[in-house]
Amino acid sequence: MKKNYFYWAALLAPLLVGCTNDEVKDDKGDPQPEKDTYTSVCIKLPTVSSETKAELGYDAGEKGEYKVSDLTLLFFRAPEGQEESATAEDDFVLSEVVSTKAELSTGTVLPGTILPDNSADGDAGATTKTLSTGPIPISSNSVRVLALLNVGPTEGIAKELLKLGSPFSTINNALPIPGGDLEGLLGTAHDCFLMTSAPVYSDSDMKTLTKCVTSSNEVTAGSKPTTISVERVVAKVSLKAGDNYMADADTGTKYFTVGNDLSHAGDKITILGWTLGNTNTKAFPFRKVETNWSTISPLWENAI
């Protein structure tokens, strides 16, 4: 499928000078001239309907699940191989990305925008795979970046913990959900899903911070973006009945059995924990992944 890139009208946004305890905020596009290094960012949204395996019965999802209302980027000074101690030095914040019908002068549409049925572009704006910023001025010390989408004006991740000068290990602590508002964290309050940088396996390690592609030339930086993959903080999961989906005759507990043609054939797998409720009081902004998971053998040894 052809990739569409969407360029926002506000190409330059402010980057706060890296001082401890400065809160991330939206400065409405006023550039800071002291920055002499540039980067741009291309956000890869979660898989869209064109890539779902329809033949396997997967739900293609709804257009609103890909909506983007605001973007926050944090740029880090990061010693090689020391992601947890990387320090946030710059930020880029763009709010109100999506309006009821927002079209750019280039003729493209912003992600999440629902166009009329008779539009030449159909619903392309709501199902785009990628979206891009223009050139962003940053400190030459900022070599890695992470993204948060749909944080919202007040809901979502506690912004007081997203401070310049903080190490990544602090930013990615298990944060209390503001007011216990789980729906606010997930984006329900502003009609979209919270999305954050997805961990990527590279060089035998899992990395959440993406290495920046930088240039001293603003035009060059705009044409060679840093690509960041993001994922929804909560995935939509549907469990469907089938030949391997059963219920215990005595307890009524639902479980799956491993097929005969697979490893651990006949093992029972009970799916637990999909329910979200009042017991969920904390959340990690970015998914934590254990890099040694593949060495745990067999994976389903204790499944019941």
C-alpha atoms as a PDB file:
ATOM      1  CA  MET A   1       0.000   0.000   0.000  1.00  0.00           C
ATOM      2  CA  LYS A   2       1.295   3.396  -0.912  1.00  0.00           C
ATOM      3  CA  LYS A   3       2.412   5.397   2.102  1.00  0.00           C
ATOM      4  CA  ASN A   4       0.949   8.835   2.548  1.00  0.00           C
ATOM      5  CA  TYR A   5       2.812  11.497   4.441  1.00  0.00           C
ATOM      6  CA  PHE A   6       0.903  14.305   6.090  1.00  0.00           C
ATOM      7  CA  TYR A   7       2.689  17.567   6.810  1.00  0.00           C
ATOM      8  CA  TRP A   8       1.288  19.789   9.490  1.00  0.00           C
ATOM      9  CA  ALA A   9       0.918  23.481   8.850  1.00  0.00           C
ATOM     10  CA  ALA A  10       2.936  24.458  11.904  1.00  0.00           C
ATOM     11  CA  LEU A  11       6.398  23.351  10.844  1.00  0.00           C
ATOM     12  CA  LEU A  12       8.332  24.876  13.699  1.00  0.00           C
ATOM     13  CA  ALA A  13       7.445  24.569  17.373  1.00  0.00           C
ATOM     14  CA  PRO A  14       9.347  25.603  20.467  1.00  0.00           C
ATOM     15  CA  LEU A  15      11.794  23.491  22.304  1.00  0.00           C
ATOM     16  CA  LEU A  16      12.238  24.294  25.923  1.00  0.00           C
ATOM     17  CA  VAL A  17      15.780  24.868  27.089  1.00  0.00           C
ATOM     18  CA  GLY A  18      16.852  21.769  29.015  1.00  0.00           C
ATOM     19  CA  CYS A  19      16.511  22.808  32.631  1.00  0.00           C
ATOM     20  CA  THR A  20      15.405  20.533  35.415  1.00  0.00           C
ATOM     21  CA  ASN A  21      11.757  20.834  36.502  1.00  0.00           C
ATOM     22  CA  ASP A  22      10.619  22.717  33.389  1.00  0.00           C
ATOM     23  CA  GLU A  23       7.261  21.209  32.511  1.00  0.00           C
ATOM     24  CA  VAL A  24       6.481  20.208  28.950  1.00  0.00           C
ATOM     25  CA  LYS A  25       4.061  22.731  27.482  1.00  0.00           C
ATOM     26  CA  ASP A  26       2.580  23.845  24.176  1.00  0.00           C
ATOM     27  CA  ASP A  27       4.136  27.104  22.983  1.00  0.00           C
ATOM     28  CA  LYS A  28       1.976  27.437  19.876  1.00  0.00           C
ATOM     29  CA  GLY A  29       4.731  27.319  17.311  1.00  0.00           C
ATOM     30  CA  ASP A  30       7.157  30.067  18.368  1.00  0.00           C
ATOM     31  CA  PRO A  31      10.646  28.908  17.285  1.00  0.00           C
ATOM     32  CA  GLN A  32      13.738  29.345  19.415  1.00  0.00           C
ATOM     33  CA  PRO A  33      16.557  30.753  17.255  1.00  0.00           C
ATOM     34  CA  GLU A  34      19.427  29.514  19.455  1.00  0.00           C
ATOM     35  CA  LYS A  35      18.961  25.951  18.195  1.00  0.00           C
ATOM     36  CA  ASP A  36      21.403  25.082  15.397  1.00  0.00           C
ATOM     37  CA  THR A  37      20.579  21.393  14.846  1.00  0.00           C
ATOM     38  CA  TYR A  38      17.420  20.110  13.166  1.00  0.00           C
ATOM     39  CA  THR A  39      15.468  16.901  12.912  1.00  0.00           C
ATOM     40  CA  SER A  40      12.020  15.904  11.686  1.00  0.00           C
ATOM     41  CA  VAL A  41       9.862  12.995  12.772  1.00  0.00           C
ATOM     42  CA  CYS A  42       7.670  10.542  10.890  1.00  0.00           C
ATOM     43  CA  ILE A  43       5.199   8.712  13.155  1.00  0.00           C
ATOM     44  CA  LYS A  44       4.174   5.196  12.094  1.00  0.00           C
ATOM     45  CA  LEU A  45       0.715   4.535  13.484  1.00  0.00           C
ATOM     46  CA  PRO A  46      -0.464   1.062  14.545  1.00  0.00           C
ATOM     47  CA  THR A  47      -1.484  -1.329  11.774  1.00  0.00           C
ATOM     48  CA  VAL A  48      -4.404  -0.077   9.719  1.00  0.00           C
ATOM     49  CA  SER A  49      -7.268  -2.035   8.197  1.00  0.00           C
ATOM     50  CA  SER A  50      -5.491  -2.696   4.901  1.00  0.00           C
ATOM     51  CA  GLU A  51      -2.955  -4.868   6.722  1.00  0.00           C
ATOM     52  CA  THR A  52      -5.226  -6.915   8.973  1.00  0.00           C
ATOM     53  CA  LYS A  53      -5.485 -10.610   8.258  1.00  0.00           C
ATOM     54  CA  ALA A  54      -9.163 -10.663   7.347  1.00  0.00           C
ATOM     55  CA  GLU A  55      -8.952 -14.299   6.334  1.00  0.00           C
ATOM     56  CA  LEU A  56      -8.102 -15.135   9.953  1.00  0.00           C
ATOM     57  CA  GLY A  57     -11.169 -13.354  11.248  1.00  0.00           C
ATOM     58  CA  TYR A  58      -9.418 -10.355  12.791  1.00  0.00           C
ATOM     59  CA  ASP A  59     -11.475  -7.226  13.326  1.00  0.00           C
ATOM     60  CA  ALA A  60     -10.225  -4.463  11.027  1.00  0.00           C
ATOM     61  CA  GLY A  61     -10.973  -1.829  13.648  1.00  0.00           C
ATOM     62  CA  GLU A  62     -12.676   1.525  13.318  1.00  0.00           C
ATOM     63  CA  LYS A  63     -11.349   4.700  11.705  1.00  0.00           C
ATOM     64  CA  GLY A  64     -11.501   6.595  14.974  1.00  0.00           C
ATOM     65  CA  GLU A  65      -8.930   4.226  16.480  1.00  0.00           C
ATOM     66  CA  TYR A  66      -6.231   5.927  14.390  1.00  0.00           C
ATOM     67  CA  LYS A  67      -7.199   9.496  15.229  1.00  0.00           C
ATOM     68  CA  VAL A  68      -4.417  11.843  16.399  1.00  0.00           C
ATOM     69  CA  SER A  69      -5.387  14.950  18.365  1.00  0.00           C
ATOM     70  CA  ASP A  70      -2.015  16.074  19.751  1.00  0.00           C
ATOM     71  CA  LEU A  71       1.665  15.173  19.672  1.00  0.00           C
ATOM     72  CA  THR A  72       4.429  15.423  22.274  1.00  0.00           C
ATOM     73  CA  LEU A  73       8.053  14.575  21.452  1.00  0.00           C
ATOM     74  CA  LEU A  74      10.797  14.357  24.086  1.00  0.00           C
ATOM     75  CA  PHE A  75      14.426  14.547  22.941  1.00  0.00           C
ATOM     76  CA  PHE A  76      17.166  12.966  25.056  1.00  0.00           C
ATOM     77  CA  ARG A  77      20.897  13.188  25.695  1.00  0.00           C
ATOM     78  CA  ALA A  78      21.645   9.457  25.779  1.00  0.00           C
ATOM     79  CA  PRO A  79      24.990   7.742  26.447  1.00  0.00           C
ATOM     80  CA  GLU A  80      25.365   4.789  24.080  1.00  0.00           C
ATOM     81  CA  GLY A  81      23.773   1.679  25.544  1.00  0.00           C
ATOM     82  CA  GLN A  82      22.421   3.501  28.616  1.00  0.00           C
ATOM     83  CA  GLU A  83      18.798   4.160  27.748  1.00  0.00           C
ATOM     84  CA  GLU A  84      17.477   4.265  31.314  1.00  0.00           C
ATOM     85  CA  SER A  85      19.831   7.113  32.264  1.00  0.00           C
ATOM     86  CA  ALA A  86      19.136   9.147  29.100  1.00  0.00           C
ATOM     87  CA  THR A  87      18.124  12.700  30.071  1.00  0.00           C
ATOM     88  CA  ALA A  88      15.275  14.661  28.462  1.00  0.00           C
ATOM     89  CA  GLU A  89      16.660  17.957  27.124  1.00  0.00           C
ATOM     90  CA  ASP A  90      14.253  19.280  24.472  1.00  0.00           C
ATOM     91  CA  ASP A  91      10.579  18.935  23.664  1.00  0.00           C
ATOM     92  CA  PHE A  92       8.181  19.587  20.816  1.00  0.00           C
ATOM     93  CA  VAL A  93       4.456  19.915  21.522  1.00  0.00           C
ATOM     94  CA  LEU A  94       1.710  20.390  18.948  1.00  0.00           C
ATOM     95  CA  SER A  95      -1.897  20.507  20.093  1.00  0.00           C
ATOM     96  CA  GLU A  96      -5.175  20.503  18.210  1.00  0.00           C
ATOM     97  CA  VAL A  97      -3.779  18.455  15.338  1.00  0.00           C
ATOM     98  CA  VAL A  98      -7.219  17.348  14.208  1.00  0.00           C
ATOM     99  CA  SER A  99     -10.309  19.463  13.657  1.00  0.00           C
ATOM    100  CA  THR A 100     -13.722  18.552  12.264  1.00  0.00           C
ATOM    101  CA  LYS A 101     -12.490  18.988   8.697  1.00  0.00           C
ATOM    102  CA  ALA A 102      -8.858  20.079   8.483  1.00  0.00           C
ATOM    103  CA  GLU A 103      -7.204  20.309   5.094  1.00  0.00           C
ATOM    104  CA  LEU A 104      -3.681  21.545   4.435  1.00  0.00           C
ATOM    105  CA  SER A 105      -2.715  23.860   1.596  1.00  0.00           C
ATOM    106  CA  THR A 106      -1.044  20.884  -0.098  1.00  0.00           C
ATOM    107  CA  GLY A 107      -4.404  19.195  -0.490  1.00  0.00           C
ATOM    108  CA  THR A 108      -3.665  16.390   1.949  1.00  0.00           C
ATOM    109  CA  VAL A 109      -5.710  15.854   5.101  1.00  0.00           C
ATOM    110  CA  LEU A 110      -4.702  15.385   8.692  1.00  0.00           C
ATOM    111  CA  PRO A 111      -4.965  11.913  10.234  1.00  0.00           C
ATOM    112  CA  GLY A 112      -8.252  11.277  11.964  1.00  0.00           C
ATOM    113  CA  THR A 113     -10.190  13.670   9.731  1.00  0.00           C
ATOM    114  CA  ILE A 114     -13.408  12.141   8.400  1.00  0.00           C
ATOM    115  CA  LEU A 115     -14.081  13.440   4.899  1.00  0.00           C
ATOM    116  CA  PRO A 116     -17.466  13.481   3.134  1.00  0.00           C
ATOM    117  CA  ASP A 117     -18.324  10.295   1.241  1.00  0.00           C
ATOM    118  CA  ASN A 118     -18.089  12.146  -2.069  1.00  0.00           C
ATOM    119  CA  SER A 119     -14.598  13.451  -1.334  1.00  0.00           C
ATOM    120  CA  ALA A 120     -11.933  12.547  -3.891  1.00  0.00           C
ATOM    121  CA  ASP A 121      -9.744  11.253  -1.079  1.00  0.00           C
ATOM    122  CA  GLY A 122     -12.519   9.200   0.516  1.00  0.00           C
ATOM    123  CA  ASP A 123     -11.643   8.414   4.122  1.00  0.00           C
ATOM    124  CA  ALA A 124      -7.873   8.394   3.564  1.00  0.00           C
ATOM    125  CA  GLY A 125      -7.335  10.914   6.323  1.00  0.00           C
ATOM    126  CA  ALA A 126      -8.715   8.583   8.951  1.00  0.00           C
ATOM    127  CA  THR A 127      -6.704   5.508   8.027  1.00  0.00           C
ATOM    128  CA  THR A 128      -3.277   6.860   7.156  1.00  0.00           C
ATOM    129  CA  LYS A 129      -0.273   4.767   8.199  1.00  0.00           C
ATOM    130  CA  THR A 130       2.147   7.629   8.798  1.00  0.00           C
ATOM    131  CA  LEU A 131       2.225  11.309   9.642  1.00  0.00           C
ATOM    132  CA  SER A 132       5.193  13.676   9.640  1.00  0.00           C
ATOM    133  CA  THR A 133       6.359  16.888  11.236  1.00  0.00           C
ATOM    134  CA  GLY A 134       8.423  19.501   9.470  1.00  0.00           C
ATOM    135  CA  PRO A 135      11.946  20.489  10.606  1.00  0.00           C
ATOM    136  CA  ILE A 136      12.299  20.824  14.393  1.00  0.00           C
ATOM    137  CA  PRO A 137      15.193  22.797  15.950  1.00  0.00           C
ATOM    138  CA  ILE A 138      16.862  20.843  18.771  1.00  0.00           C
ATOM    139  CA  SER A 139      19.995  20.925  20.891  1.00  0.00           C
ATOM    140  CA  SER A 140      23.022  19.200  19.363  1.00  0.00           C
ATOM    141  CA  ASN A 141      23.099  17.067  22.530  1.00  0.00           C
ATOM    142  CA  SER A 142      19.687  15.579  21.777  1.00  0.00           C
ATOM    143  CA  VAL A 143      20.364  12.297  20.025  1.00  0.00           C
ATOM    144  CA  ARG A 144      17.298  10.164  20.832  1.00  0.00           C
ATOM    145  CA  VAL A 145      13.556  10.790  20.858  1.00  0.00           C
ATOM    146  CA  LEU A 146      10.270   9.288  22.000  1.00  0.00           C
ATOM    147  CA  ALA A 147       6.675  10.178  21.160  1.00  0.00           C
ATOM    148  CA  LEU A 148       3.347  10.468  22.955  1.00  0.00           C
ATOM    149  CA  LEU A 149       0.107  10.950  21.008  1.00  0.00           C
ATOM    150  CA  ASN A 150      -3.276  11.992  22.384  1.00  0.00           C
ATOM    151  CA  VAL A 151      -2.077  12.943  25.863  1.00  0.00           C
ATOM    152  CA  GLY A 152      -4.801  15.579  25.899  1.00  0.00           C
ATOM    153  CA  PRO A 153      -5.003  18.924  27.700  1.00  0.00           C
ATOM    154  CA  THR A 154      -5.663  17.610  31.211  1.00  0.00           C
ATOM    155  CA  GLU A 155      -6.382  13.882  30.980  1.00  0.00           C
ATOM    156  CA  GLY A 156      -3.865  11.154  30.357  1.00  0.00           C
ATOM    157  CA  ILE A 157      -0.349  10.714  31.667  1.00  0.00           C
ATOM    158  CA  ALA A 158       0.460  13.033  34.581  1.00  0.00           C
ATOM    159  CA  LYS A 159       2.306  15.819  32.760  1.00  0.00           C
ATOM    160  CA  GLU A 160       4.072  17.007  35.893  1.00  0.00           C
ATOM    161  CA  LEU A 161       6.224  13.877  35.607  1.00  0.00           C
ATOM    162  CA  LEU A 162       7.233  14.625  32.014  1.00  0.00           C
ATOM    163  CA  LYS A 163       9.906  17.153  32.893  1.00  0.00           C
ATOM    164  CA  LEU A 164      12.979  18.237  31.013  1.00  0.00           C
ATOM    165  CA  GLY A 165      16.050  17.211  32.966  1.00  0.00           C
ATOM    166  CA  SER A 166      14.470  13.904  34.021  1.00  0.00           C
ATOM    167  CA  PRO A 167      16.041  10.553  33.070  1.00  0.00           C
ATOM    168  CA  PHE A 168      13.998   8.109  31.013  1.00  0.00           C
ATOM    169  CA  SER A 169      13.862   5.715  33.973  1.00  0.00           C
ATOM    170  CA  THR A 170      11.951   8.372  35.950  1.00  0.00           C
ATOM    171  CA  ILE A 171       9.653   9.304  33.092  1.00  0.00           C
ATOM    172  CA  ASN A 172       8.754   5.648  32.540  1.00  0.00           C
ATOM    173  CA  ASN A 173       7.901   4.854  36.138  1.00  0.00           C
ATOM    174  CA  ALA A 174       4.551   3.297  36.968  1.00  0.00           C
ATOM    175  CA  LEU A 175       2.568   6.529  37.192  1.00  0.00           C
ATOM    176  CA  PRO A 176      -0.633   6.920  39.187  1.00  0.00           C
ATOM    177  CA  ILE A 177      -3.583   7.313  36.851  1.00  0.00           C
ATOM    178  CA  PRO A 178      -4.768  10.917  37.411  1.00  0.00           C
ATOM    179  CA  GLY A 179      -7.792  10.773  39.694  1.00  0.00           C
ATOM    180  CA  GLY A 180      -8.059   7.051  39.026  1.00  0.00           C
ATOM    181  CA  ASP A 181      -9.521   8.028  35.649  1.00  0.00           C
ATOM    182  CA  LEU A 182      -8.692   5.024  33.487  1.00  0.00           C
ATOM    183  CA  GLU A 183     -10.833   6.234  30.592  1.00  0.00           C
ATOM    184  CA  GLY A 184      -9.022   9.566  30.701  1.00  0.00           C
ATOM    185  CA  LEU A 185      -5.672   7.792  30.461  1.00  0.00           C
ATOM    186  CA  LEU A 186      -6.775   5.778  27.443  1.00  0.00           C
ATOM    187  CA  GLY A 187      -8.012   8.861  25.622  1.00  0.00           C
ATOM    188  CA  THR A 188     -11.733   8.212  25.881  1.00  0.00           C
ATOM    189  CA  ALA A 189     -12.341  11.661  27.335  1.00  0.00           C
ATOM    190  CA  HIS A 190     -11.068  13.317  24.161  1.00  0.00           C
ATOM    191  CA  ASP A 191     -12.271  10.664  21.702  1.00  0.00           C
ATOM    192  CA  CYS A 192      -9.003   8.965  20.798  1.00  0.00           C
ATOM    193  CA  PHE A 193      -6.487   6.383  22.016  1.00  0.00           C
ATOM    194  CA  LEU A 194      -3.333   7.216  23.954  1.00  0.00           C
ATOM    195  CA  MET A 195      -0.341   6.042  21.871  1.00  0.00           C
ATOM    196  CA  THR A 196       3.347   6.025  22.822  1.00  0.00           C
ATOM    197  CA  SER A 197       6.678   4.924  21.335  1.00  0.00           C
ATOM    198  CA  ALA A 198       6.827   1.166  20.823  1.00  0.00           C
ATOM    199  CA  PRO A 199       9.918  -0.782  21.948  1.00  0.00           C
ATOM    200  CA  VAL A 200      11.969  -1.978  18.968  1.00  0.00           C
ATOM    201  CA  TYR A 201      14.348  -4.946  19.073  1.00  0.00           C
ATOM    202  CA  SER A 202      17.765  -3.874  17.782  1.00  0.00           C
ATOM    203  CA  ASP A 203      21.332  -5.097  18.268  1.00  0.00           C
ATOM    204  CA  SER A 204      20.249  -7.863  20.670  1.00  0.00           C
ATOM    205  CA  ASP A 205      18.459  -5.369  22.897  1.00  0.00           C
ATOM    206  CA  MET A 206      15.056  -3.728  23.195  1.00  0.00           C
ATOM    207  CA  LYS A 207      15.094   0.049  22.675  1.00  0.00           C
ATOM    208  CA  THR A 208      12.278   2.520  23.287  1.00  0.00           C
ATOM    209  CA  LEU A 209      14.226   5.691  22.488  1.00  0.00           C
ATOM    210  CA  THR A 210      14.701   6.166  18.744  1.00  0.00           C
ATOM    211  CA  LYS A 211      18.021   7.473  17.420  1.00  0.00           C
ATOM    212  CA  CYS A 212      17.555  10.897  15.800  1.00  0.00           C
ATOM    213  CA  VAL A 213      18.479  11.646  12.212  1.00  0.00           C
ATOM    214  CA  THR A 214      19.871  15.182  12.506  1.00  0.00           C
ATOM    215  CA  SER A 215      21.288  17.845  10.215  1.00  0.00           C
ATOM    216  CA  SER A 216      22.593  21.391  10.528  1.00  0.00           C
ATOM    217  CA  ASN A 217      20.535  22.175   7.413  1.00  0.00           C
ATOM    218  CA  GLU A 218      16.833  22.772   8.001  1.00  0.00           C
ATOM    219  CA  VAL A 219      15.754  21.639   4.520  1.00  0.00           C
ATOM    220  CA  THR A 220      17.800  18.440   4.688  1.00  0.00           C
ATOM    221  CA  ALA A 221      16.378  17.584   8.094  1.00  0.00           C
ATOM    222  CA  GLY A 222      12.853  17.986   6.781  1.00  0.00           C
ATOM    223  CA  SER A 223      13.466  15.553   3.928  1.00  0.00           C
ATOM    224  CA  LYS A 224      15.072  12.813   6.054  1.00  0.00           C
ATOM    225  CA  PRO A 225      12.771  12.200   9.027  1.00  0.00           C
ATOM    226  CA  THR A 226      13.426  10.089  12.092  1.00  0.00           C
ATOM    227  CA  THR A 227      10.867   7.257  12.032  1.00  0.00           C
ATOM    228  CA  ILE A 228       9.101   6.390  15.298  1.00  0.00           C
ATOM    229  CA  SER A 229       6.679   3.478  15.615  1.00  0.00           C
ATOM    230  CA  VAL A 230       3.925   4.006  18.167  1.00  0.00           C
ATOM    231  CA  GLU A 231       1.419   1.649  19.756  1.00  0.00           C
ATOM    232  CA  ARG A 232      -1.797   2.076  21.692  1.00  0.00           C
ATOM    233  CA  VAL A 233      -1.337   1.828  25.443  1.00  0.00           C
ATOM    234  CA  VAL A 234      -4.212  -0.656  25.449  1.00  0.00           C
ATOM    235  CA  ALA A 235      -4.782  -3.013  22.540  1.00  0.00           C
ATOM    236  CA  LYS A 236      -8.264  -4.031  21.495  1.00  0.00           C
ATOM    237  CA  VAL A 237      -8.517  -7.809  21.798  1.00  0.00           C
ATOM    238  CA  SER A 238     -11.333 -10.068  20.640  1.00  0.00           C
ATOM    239  CA  LEU A 239     -11.450 -13.703  21.724  1.00  0.00           C
ATOM    240  CA  LYS A 240     -13.602 -15.840  19.465  1.00  0.00           C
ATOM    241  CA  ALA A 241     -14.992 -19.313  20.007  1.00  0.00           C
ATOM    242  CA  GLY A 242     -13.554 -22.130  17.908  1.00  0.00           C
ATOM    243  CA  ASP A 243     -12.543 -25.773  17.969  1.00  0.00           C
ATOM    244  CA  ASN A 244      -9.862 -25.088  20.610  1.00  0.00           C
ATOM    245  CA  TYR A 245     -11.998 -22.813  22.817  1.00  0.00           C
ATOM    246  CA  MET A 246     -13.584 -24.774  25.664  1.00  0.00           C
ATOM    247  CA  ALA A 247     -15.133 -24.500  29.110  1.00  0.00           C
ATOM    248  CA  ASP A 248     -14.245 -26.634  32.104  1.00  0.00           C
ATOM    249  CA  ALA A 249     -17.217 -28.872  32.890  1.00  0.00           C
ATOM    250  CA  ASP A 250     -16.865 -28.384  36.647  1.00  0.00           C
ATOM    251  CA  THR A 251     -15.839 -24.742  37.037  1.00  0.00           C
ATOM    252  CA  GLY A 252     -17.054 -23.194  33.796  1.00  0.00           C
ATOM    253  CA  THR A 253     -13.632 -21.544  33.303  1.00  0.00           C
ATOM    254  CA  LYS A 254     -12.967 -20.761  29.636  1.00  0.00           C
ATOM    255  CA  TYR A 255      -9.648 -21.802  28.119  1.00  0.00           C
ATOM    256  CA  PHE A 256      -7.889 -22.604  24.852  1.00  0.00           C
ATOM    257  CA  THR A 257      -6.030 -25.800  24.055  1.00  0.00           C
ATOM    258  CA  VAL A 258      -2.852 -25.892  21.977  1.00  0.00           C
ATOM    259  CA  GLY A 259      -3.471 -27.579  18.615  1.00  0.00           C
ATOM    260  CA  ASN A 260      -2.095 -31.022  17.855  1.00  0.00           C
ATOM    261  CA  ASP A 261       0.249 -29.691  15.172  1.00  0.00           C
ATOM    262  CA  LEU A 262       1.959 -27.225  17.545  1.00  0.00           C
ATOM    263  CA  SER A 263       4.509 -27.469  20.337  1.00  0.00           C
ATOM    264  CA  HIS A 264       2.956 -28.321  23.728  1.00  0.00           C
ATOM    265  CA  ALA A 265      -0.047 -29.860  21.980  1.00  0.00           C
ATOM    266  CA  GLY A 266      -2.973 -30.328  24.334  1.00  0.00           C
ATOM    267  CA  ASP A 267      -1.805 -27.799  26.929  1.00  0.00           C
ATOM    268  CA  LYS A 268      -4.523 -25.587  28.370  1.00  0.00           C
ATOM    269  CA  ILE A 269      -4.144 -21.800  28.153  1.00  0.00           C
ATOM    270  CA  THR A 270      -6.416 -19.698  30.330  1.00  0.00           C
ATOM    271  CA  ILE A 271      -6.669 -16.060  29.205  1.00  0.00           C
ATOM    272  CA  LEU A 272      -6.802 -13.777  32.242  1.00  0.00           C
ATOM    273  CA  GLY A 273      -6.521 -10.056  32.838  1.00  0.00           C
ATOM    274  CA  TRP A 274      -8.268  -8.535  29.824  1.00  0.00           C
ATOM    275  CA  THR A 275     -10.806  -6.764  32.035  1.00  0.00           C
ATOM    276  CA  LEU A 276     -10.053  -3.138  32.882  1.00  0.00           C
ATOM    277  CA  GLY A 277     -11.511  -1.876  36.131  1.00  0.00           C
ATOM    278  CA  ASN A 278     -10.995   0.164  39.264  1.00  0.00           C
ATOM    279  CA  THR A 279      -8.057  -2.002  40.336  1.00  0.00           C
ATOM    280  CA  ASN A 280      -5.930  -0.429  37.577  1.00  0.00           C
ATOM    281  CA  THR A 281      -4.431   2.521  39.447  1.00  0.00           C
ATOM    282  CA  LYS A 282      -1.015   2.866  37.792  1.00  0.00           C
ATOM    283  CA  ALA A 283       0.375   2.642  34.276  1.00  0.00           C
ATOM    284  CA  PHE A 284       3.716   2.755  32.473  1.00  0.00           C
ATOM    285  CA  PRO A 285       3.731   5.464  29.768  1.00  0.00           C
ATOM    286  CA  PHE A 286       5.925   3.234  27.598  1.00  0.00           C
ATOM    287  CA  ARG A 287       5.729  -0.551  27.470  1.00  0.00           C
ATOM    288  CA  LYS A 288       8.408  -2.356  29.442  1.00  0.00           C
ATOM    289  CA  VAL A 289       9.835  -5.459  27.763  1.00  0.00           C
ATOM    290  CA  GLU A 290      12.106  -8.102  29.232  1.00  0.00           C
ATOM    291  CA  THR A 291      14.769  -8.894  26.639  1.00  0.00           C
ATOM    292  CA  ASN A 292      15.275 -12.453  27.910  1.00  0.00           C
ATOM    293  CA  TRP A 293      11.688 -13.557  27.275  1.00  0.00           C
ATOM    294  CA  SER A 294      12.759 -15.848  24.414  1.00  0.00           C
ATOM    295  CA  THR A 295      15.007 -17.844  26.762  1.00  0.00           C
ATOM    296  CA  ILE A 296      12.095 -18.855  28.987  1.00  0.00           C
ATOM    297  CA  SER A 297      11.375 -22.409  27.888  1.00  0.00           C
ATOM    298  CA  PRO A 298       8.829 -23.759  27.452  1.00  0.00           C
ATOM    299  CA  LEU A 299       6.765 -20.570  27.239  1.00  0.00           C
ATOM    300  CA  TRP A 300       3.493 -22.238  28.219  1.00  0.00           C
ATOM    301  CA  GLU A 301       4.899 -24.638  30.819  1.00  0.00           C
ATOM    302  CA  ASN A 302       2.716 -23.263  33.597  1.00  0.00           C
ATOM    303  CA  ALA A 303      -0.401 -22.492  31.585  1.00  0.00           C
ATOM    304  CA  ILE A 304      -3.543 -23.970  33.129  1.00  0.00           C
END
